N, C-alpha and C. Protein backbone atom coordinates (compact mmCIF):
# COMPACT_ATOMS: atom_id res chain seq x y z
N UNK A 1 0.58 84.34 -3.58
CA UNK A 1 1.26 85.35 -2.38
C UNK A 1 1.49 84.40 -1.08
N UNK A 2 0.51 83.65 -0.79
CA UNK A 2 0.55 83.00 0.14
C UNK A 2 1.49 82.24 0.27
N UNK A 3 1.86 81.25 -1.00
CA UNK A 3 3.11 80.52 -0.93
C UNK A 3 4.48 81.32 -0.72
N UNK A 4 4.29 82.41 -1.09
CA UNK A 4 5.85 83.12 -1.06
C UNK A 4 5.92 83.51 0.66
N UNK A 5 4.92 83.64 1.00
CA UNK A 5 5.00 83.84 2.45
C UNK A 5 5.38 82.68 3.25
N UNK A 6 4.72 81.62 2.91
CA UNK A 6 5.05 80.25 3.46
C UNK A 6 6.62 79.80 3.30
N UNK A 7 7.05 80.18 2.19
CA UNK A 7 8.30 79.93 1.76
C UNK A 7 9.41 80.68 2.55
N UNK A 8 9.00 82.08 2.61
CA UNK A 8 9.65 83.00 3.49
C UNK A 8 9.73 82.50 5.02
N UNK A 9 8.63 82.06 5.51
CA UNK A 9 8.72 81.59 6.93
C UNK A 9 9.49 80.53 7.13
N UNK A 10 9.44 79.32 6.03
CA UNK A 10 10.28 78.33 5.94
C UNK A 10 11.72 78.51 6.01
N UNK A 11 12.18 79.44 4.98
CA UNK A 11 13.55 79.96 5.13
C UNK A 11 13.94 80.51 6.28
N UNK A 12 13.09 81.45 6.93
CA UNK A 12 13.61 82.15 8.22
C UNK A 12 13.74 81.04 9.40
N UNK A 13 12.82 80.20 9.46
CA UNK A 13 13.28 79.03 10.42
C UNK A 13 14.44 78.37 10.13
N UNK A 14 14.69 77.84 8.91
CA UNK A 14 15.64 77.30 8.66
C UNK A 14 17.01 78.08 9.08
N UNK A 15 17.09 79.39 8.79
CA UNK A 15 18.07 80.23 9.00
C UNK A 15 18.26 80.32 10.63
N UNK A 16 17.17 80.36 11.25
CA UNK A 16 17.35 80.27 12.52
C UNK A 16 17.81 79.00 13.54
N UNK A 17 17.52 78.05 12.86
CA UNK A 17 17.94 76.63 13.28
C UNK A 17 19.41 76.50 12.97
N UNK A 18 19.88 76.88 11.92
CA UNK A 18 21.16 76.70 11.32
C UNK A 18 22.18 77.65 12.28
N UNK A 19 21.44 78.82 12.42
CA UNK A 19 22.37 79.88 13.39
C UNK A 19 22.68 79.53 14.43
N UNK A 20 21.60 78.54 15.17
CA UNK A 20 21.56 78.18 16.55
C UNK A 20 22.26 76.90 16.87
N UNK A 21 22.69 75.97 15.70
CA UNK A 21 23.71 74.88 15.76
C UNK A 21 24.69 75.16 15.52
N UNK A 22 25.59 74.60 16.88
CA UNK A 22 27.03 74.79 16.82
C UNK A 22 27.75 73.44 16.57
N UNK A 23 28.92 73.67 16.04
CA UNK A 23 29.86 72.49 15.98
C UNK A 23 30.33 72.09 17.40
N UNK A 24 30.15 70.86 17.69
CA UNK A 24 30.83 70.16 18.79
C UNK A 24 32.37 70.32 19.00
N UNK A 25 32.60 71.25 20.19
CA UNK A 25 34.09 71.38 20.41
C UNK A 25 34.78 70.02 21.26
N UNK A 26 35.99 69.68 20.80
CA UNK A 26 36.47 68.76 21.79
C UNK A 26 36.19 68.98 23.18
N UNK A 27 36.03 67.92 24.08
CA UNK A 27 35.65 68.00 25.32
C UNK A 27 36.90 68.68 25.99
N UNK A 28 36.40 69.53 26.90
CA UNK A 28 37.51 70.08 27.86
C UNK A 28 37.90 69.02 28.67
N UNK A 29 39.46 68.98 29.03
CA UNK A 29 39.97 68.06 29.78
C UNK A 29 39.29 68.28 31.23
N UNK A 30 39.19 67.05 32.07
CA UNK A 30 38.66 67.34 33.23
C UNK A 30 39.55 67.47 34.34
N UNK A 31 39.70 68.20 35.07
CA UNK A 31 40.70 68.43 36.34
C UNK A 31 40.55 67.53 37.43
N UNK A 32 41.47 67.09 37.78
CA UNK A 32 41.45 65.76 38.86
C UNK A 32 42.02 66.64 39.93
N UNK A 33 43.17 67.52 39.96
CA UNK A 33 43.60 68.26 40.93
C UNK A 33 43.85 69.94 40.53
N UNK A 34 43.48 70.75 41.36
CA UNK A 34 43.38 72.07 41.17
C UNK A 34 44.07 72.71 42.24
N UNK A 35 45.25 73.50 42.02
CA UNK A 35 45.95 74.43 42.90
C UNK A 35 45.47 75.69 42.86
N UNK A 36 44.98 76.40 43.56
CA UNK A 36 44.95 77.84 43.57
C UNK A 36 45.74 78.62 43.52
N UNK A 37 45.98 79.67 42.96
CA UNK A 37 47.06 80.37 42.88
C UNK A 37 47.02 81.46 44.02
N UNK A 38 48.39 81.78 44.56
CA UNK A 38 48.36 82.66 45.79
C UNK A 38 48.09 84.07 45.21
N UNK A 39 47.33 84.83 46.17
CA UNK A 39 47.16 86.36 45.86
C UNK A 39 48.39 86.88 46.39
N UNK A 40 49.11 87.55 45.77
CA UNK A 40 50.59 88.29 46.12
C UNK A 40 50.05 89.43 47.21
N UNK A 41 50.76 89.20 48.49
CA UNK A 41 50.32 90.04 49.30
C UNK A 41 50.39 91.46 49.01
N UNK A 42 51.56 91.75 48.31
CA UNK A 42 51.86 93.26 47.93
C UNK A 42 50.70 93.67 47.29
N UNK A 43 49.95 92.91 46.11
CA UNK A 43 48.95 93.35 45.56
C UNK A 43 47.67 93.54 46.22
N UNK A 44 47.48 92.63 47.28
CA UNK A 44 46.54 92.61 48.27
C UNK A 44 46.44 93.98 49.05
N UNK A 45 47.78 94.42 49.76
CA UNK A 45 47.79 95.52 50.03
C UNK A 45 47.44 96.83 49.43
N UNK A 46 48.02 96.79 48.20
CA UNK A 46 47.51 97.89 47.21
C UNK A 46 46.12 97.75 46.69
N UNK A 47 45.24 96.75 47.03
CA UNK A 47 43.72 96.62 46.62
C UNK A 47 43.76 96.58 44.95
N UNK A 48 44.82 95.65 44.40
CA UNK A 48 44.84 95.45 42.82
C UNK A 48 44.04 94.20 42.75
N UNK A 49 43.05 94.16 41.48
CA UNK A 49 42.39 93.07 41.34
C UNK A 49 42.77 92.94 39.76
N UNK A 50 42.49 91.58 39.17
CA UNK A 50 42.91 91.39 37.92
C UNK A 50 42.41 90.16 37.31
N UNK A 51 42.67 89.93 36.43
CA UNK A 51 41.94 88.49 35.72
C UNK A 51 43.32 88.13 34.75
N UNK A 52 43.69 86.92 34.57
CA UNK A 52 44.54 86.38 33.90
C UNK A 52 44.11 85.22 32.74
N UNK A 53 44.45 85.01 31.80
CA UNK A 53 44.26 84.05 30.92
C UNK A 53 45.27 83.38 30.44
N UNK A 54 45.24 81.81 30.50
CA UNK A 54 46.57 81.28 29.89
C UNK A 54 46.15 80.11 29.25
N UNK A 55 46.78 79.43 28.18
CA UNK A 55 46.95 78.54 27.50
C UNK A 55 47.76 77.25 27.96
N UNK A 56 47.33 76.31 28.47
CA UNK A 56 47.98 75.13 28.89
C UNK A 56 48.06 74.06 28.04
N UNK A 57 49.27 73.55 28.26
CA UNK A 57 49.60 72.19 27.35
C UNK A 57 49.59 71.09 28.38
N UNK A 58 48.60 70.22 28.20
CA UNK A 58 48.46 68.87 29.09
C UNK A 58 48.96 67.54 28.38
N UNK A 59 49.71 66.90 28.93
CA UNK A 59 50.42 65.80 28.43
C UNK A 59 49.75 64.55 28.52
N UNK A 60 49.82 63.46 27.90
CA UNK A 60 49.03 62.39 27.80
C UNK A 60 48.91 61.94 29.28
N UNK A 61 49.83 62.04 30.08
CA UNK A 61 49.44 61.48 31.61
C UNK A 61 48.84 62.64 32.32
N UNK A 62 48.10 63.64 31.77
CA UNK A 62 47.53 64.57 32.76
C UNK A 62 48.00 65.40 33.38
N UNK A 63 49.47 65.63 33.18
CA UNK A 63 50.15 66.68 33.75
C UNK A 63 50.30 67.81 33.25
N UNK A 64 50.28 68.99 33.65
CA UNK A 64 50.60 70.21 32.77
C UNK A 64 52.16 70.28 32.25
N UNK A 65 52.44 70.56 30.94
CA UNK A 65 53.83 70.39 30.38
C UNK A 65 54.30 71.84 30.17
N UNK A 66 53.13 72.88 30.03
CA UNK A 66 53.64 74.31 29.44
C UNK A 66 52.31 75.17 29.82
N UNK A 67 53.00 76.30 30.13
CA UNK A 67 51.96 77.31 30.42
C UNK A 67 52.25 78.54 29.79
N UNK A 68 51.35 79.13 28.86
CA UNK A 68 51.46 80.42 27.82
C UNK A 68 50.42 81.64 28.07
N UNK A 69 50.97 82.85 28.74
CA UNK A 69 50.18 83.68 28.93
C UNK A 69 49.56 84.12 27.63
N UNK A 70 48.05 84.52 27.75
CA UNK A 70 47.51 84.46 26.73
C UNK A 70 46.53 86.15 26.66
N UNK A 71 46.52 86.75 27.99
CA UNK A 71 46.25 88.24 28.19
C UNK A 71 45.86 88.58 29.67
N UNK A 72 45.42 89.45 29.78
CA UNK A 72 45.00 89.93 31.29
C UNK A 72 46.22 90.84 32.07
N UNK A 73 45.77 91.03 33.21
CA UNK A 73 46.64 91.64 34.21
C UNK A 73 48.07 90.62 34.42
N UNK A 74 49.19 91.08 33.64
CA UNK A 74 50.61 90.51 33.90
C UNK A 74 51.21 90.18 35.11
N UNK A 75 50.75 91.23 35.91
CA UNK A 75 51.38 91.22 37.39
C UNK A 75 51.00 89.90 38.06
N UNK A 76 49.87 89.27 37.62
CA UNK A 76 49.54 88.11 38.48
C UNK A 76 50.02 86.92 37.79
N UNK A 77 50.71 86.89 36.47
CA UNK A 77 50.94 86.01 35.70
C UNK A 77 51.85 84.87 36.60
N UNK A 78 52.89 85.24 37.22
CA UNK A 78 53.76 84.16 38.01
C UNK A 78 53.05 83.45 39.02
N UNK A 79 52.05 83.94 39.65
CA UNK A 79 51.33 83.13 40.64
C UNK A 79 50.38 82.15 39.88
N UNK A 80 49.84 82.65 38.99
CA UNK A 80 48.84 81.72 38.20
C UNK A 80 49.69 80.59 37.30
N UNK A 81 50.92 81.11 36.78
CA UNK A 81 51.65 79.88 36.04
C UNK A 81 52.05 78.83 37.13
N UNK A 82 52.66 79.30 38.25
CA UNK A 82 53.16 78.38 39.28
C UNK A 82 52.08 77.47 39.85
N UNK A 83 50.81 78.06 40.13
CA UNK A 83 49.80 77.12 40.57
C UNK A 83 49.37 76.09 39.33
N UNK A 84 49.17 76.66 38.15
CA UNK A 84 48.74 75.74 37.24
C UNK A 84 49.55 74.74 36.71
N UNK A 85 51.00 74.99 36.98
CA UNK A 85 51.77 73.74 36.63
C UNK A 85 51.55 72.65 37.57
N UNK A 86 50.91 72.89 38.85
CA UNK A 86 50.61 71.74 39.60
C UNK A 86 49.20 71.06 39.45
N UNK A 87 48.58 71.42 38.58
CA UNK A 87 47.22 71.01 38.25
C UNK A 87 47.52 69.46 37.65
N UNK A 88 46.48 68.67 37.92
CA UNK A 88 46.61 67.36 37.35
C UNK A 88 45.05 67.00 36.58
N UNK A 89 45.22 66.72 35.35
CA UNK A 89 43.90 66.22 34.52
C UNK A 89 43.86 64.68 34.25
N UNK A 90 42.81 64.45 33.91
CA UNK A 90 42.65 62.88 33.54
C UNK A 90 43.28 62.68 32.39
N UNK A 91 44.03 61.50 32.51
CA UNK A 91 45.06 60.92 31.41
C UNK A 91 44.10 60.90 30.07
N UNK A 92 44.98 61.06 28.84
CA UNK A 92 44.22 60.94 27.56
C UNK A 92 45.24 60.29 26.78
N UNK A 93 44.89 60.01 25.43
CA UNK A 93 45.47 59.06 24.64
C UNK A 93 46.76 60.06 23.99
N UNK A 94 46.40 61.43 23.87
CA UNK A 94 47.54 62.42 23.36
C UNK A 94 47.73 63.57 24.40
N UNK A 95 48.44 64.41 23.90
CA UNK A 95 48.59 65.85 24.19
C UNK A 95 47.42 66.83 23.89
N UNK A 96 46.97 67.60 24.69
CA UNK A 96 45.94 68.29 24.62
C UNK A 96 46.34 69.81 25.36
N UNK A 97 45.42 70.66 24.93
CA UNK A 97 45.56 72.08 25.43
C UNK A 97 43.98 72.37 26.17
N UNK A 98 44.24 73.54 26.77
CA UNK A 98 42.80 74.11 27.33
C UNK A 98 43.16 75.71 27.70
N UNK A 99 42.39 76.38 27.73
CA UNK A 99 42.25 77.62 28.26
C UNK A 99 42.01 77.79 29.96
N UNK A 100 42.54 78.59 30.47
CA UNK A 100 42.30 78.53 31.82
C UNK A 100 42.23 80.14 32.10
N UNK A 101 41.18 80.58 32.66
CA UNK A 101 40.97 81.90 33.21
C UNK A 101 41.03 81.94 34.78
N UNK A 102 41.88 83.02 35.34
CA UNK A 102 42.12 83.09 36.90
C UNK A 102 41.71 84.66 36.97
N UNK A 103 40.68 84.80 38.05
CA UNK A 103 40.26 86.09 38.46
C UNK A 103 40.66 86.39 39.89
N UNK A 104 41.60 87.56 40.10
CA UNK A 104 41.86 87.88 41.59
C UNK A 104 40.95 88.99 41.76
N UNK A 105 39.91 88.82 42.94
CA UNK A 105 38.94 89.89 43.25
C UNK A 105 39.35 90.41 44.59
N UNK A 106 39.85 91.78 44.59
CA UNK A 106 40.15 92.29 45.97
C UNK A 106 39.56 92.08 46.84
N UNK A 107 39.97 91.56 48.25
CA UNK A 107 41.55 91.39 48.06
C UNK A 107 41.88 89.86 48.62
N UNK A 108 40.82 89.03 48.55
CA UNK A 108 40.97 87.53 49.02
C UNK A 108 40.77 86.81 47.98
N UNK A 109 39.61 86.86 47.08
CA UNK A 109 39.12 85.68 46.10
C UNK A 109 39.85 85.51 45.25
N UNK A 110 40.06 84.17 44.85
CA UNK A 110 40.70 83.67 43.68
C UNK A 110 39.78 82.87 43.01
N UNK A 111 39.17 83.07 41.93
CA UNK A 111 38.55 81.98 41.13
C UNK A 111 39.21 81.65 39.67
N UNK A 112 38.97 80.41 39.41
CA UNK A 112 39.55 79.81 37.96
C UNK A 112 38.40 79.14 37.47
N UNK A 113 38.33 79.34 35.78
CA UNK A 113 37.63 78.70 34.94
C UNK A 113 38.22 77.82 34.07
N UNK A 114 38.53 76.53 33.90
CA UNK A 114 37.80 75.56 34.57
C UNK A 114 38.05 75.38 36.28
């Protein structure tokens, strides 16, 4: 009976280790130049907050080639897209993509991830 308990403990430890192990993801591209989106005046006056997620395509030269809306408050997307198009990343060997999340907090704060 003791050996069954020990086997069960070993199995539980192995499953715990395996579930905690993650497959490494491609390194996120490093931002060299970040332009913050403008908080639209009308939305500030109305007290509107929101978050926008976009997927950007980064060329081998580090410039942003494309911006695609992925979710969030659509009324902020134009401001986010205009700003992110001016971002610059470390050059790479090939084209890459990244997810960017921008949060507008009423009524002056704009934060981005990355």
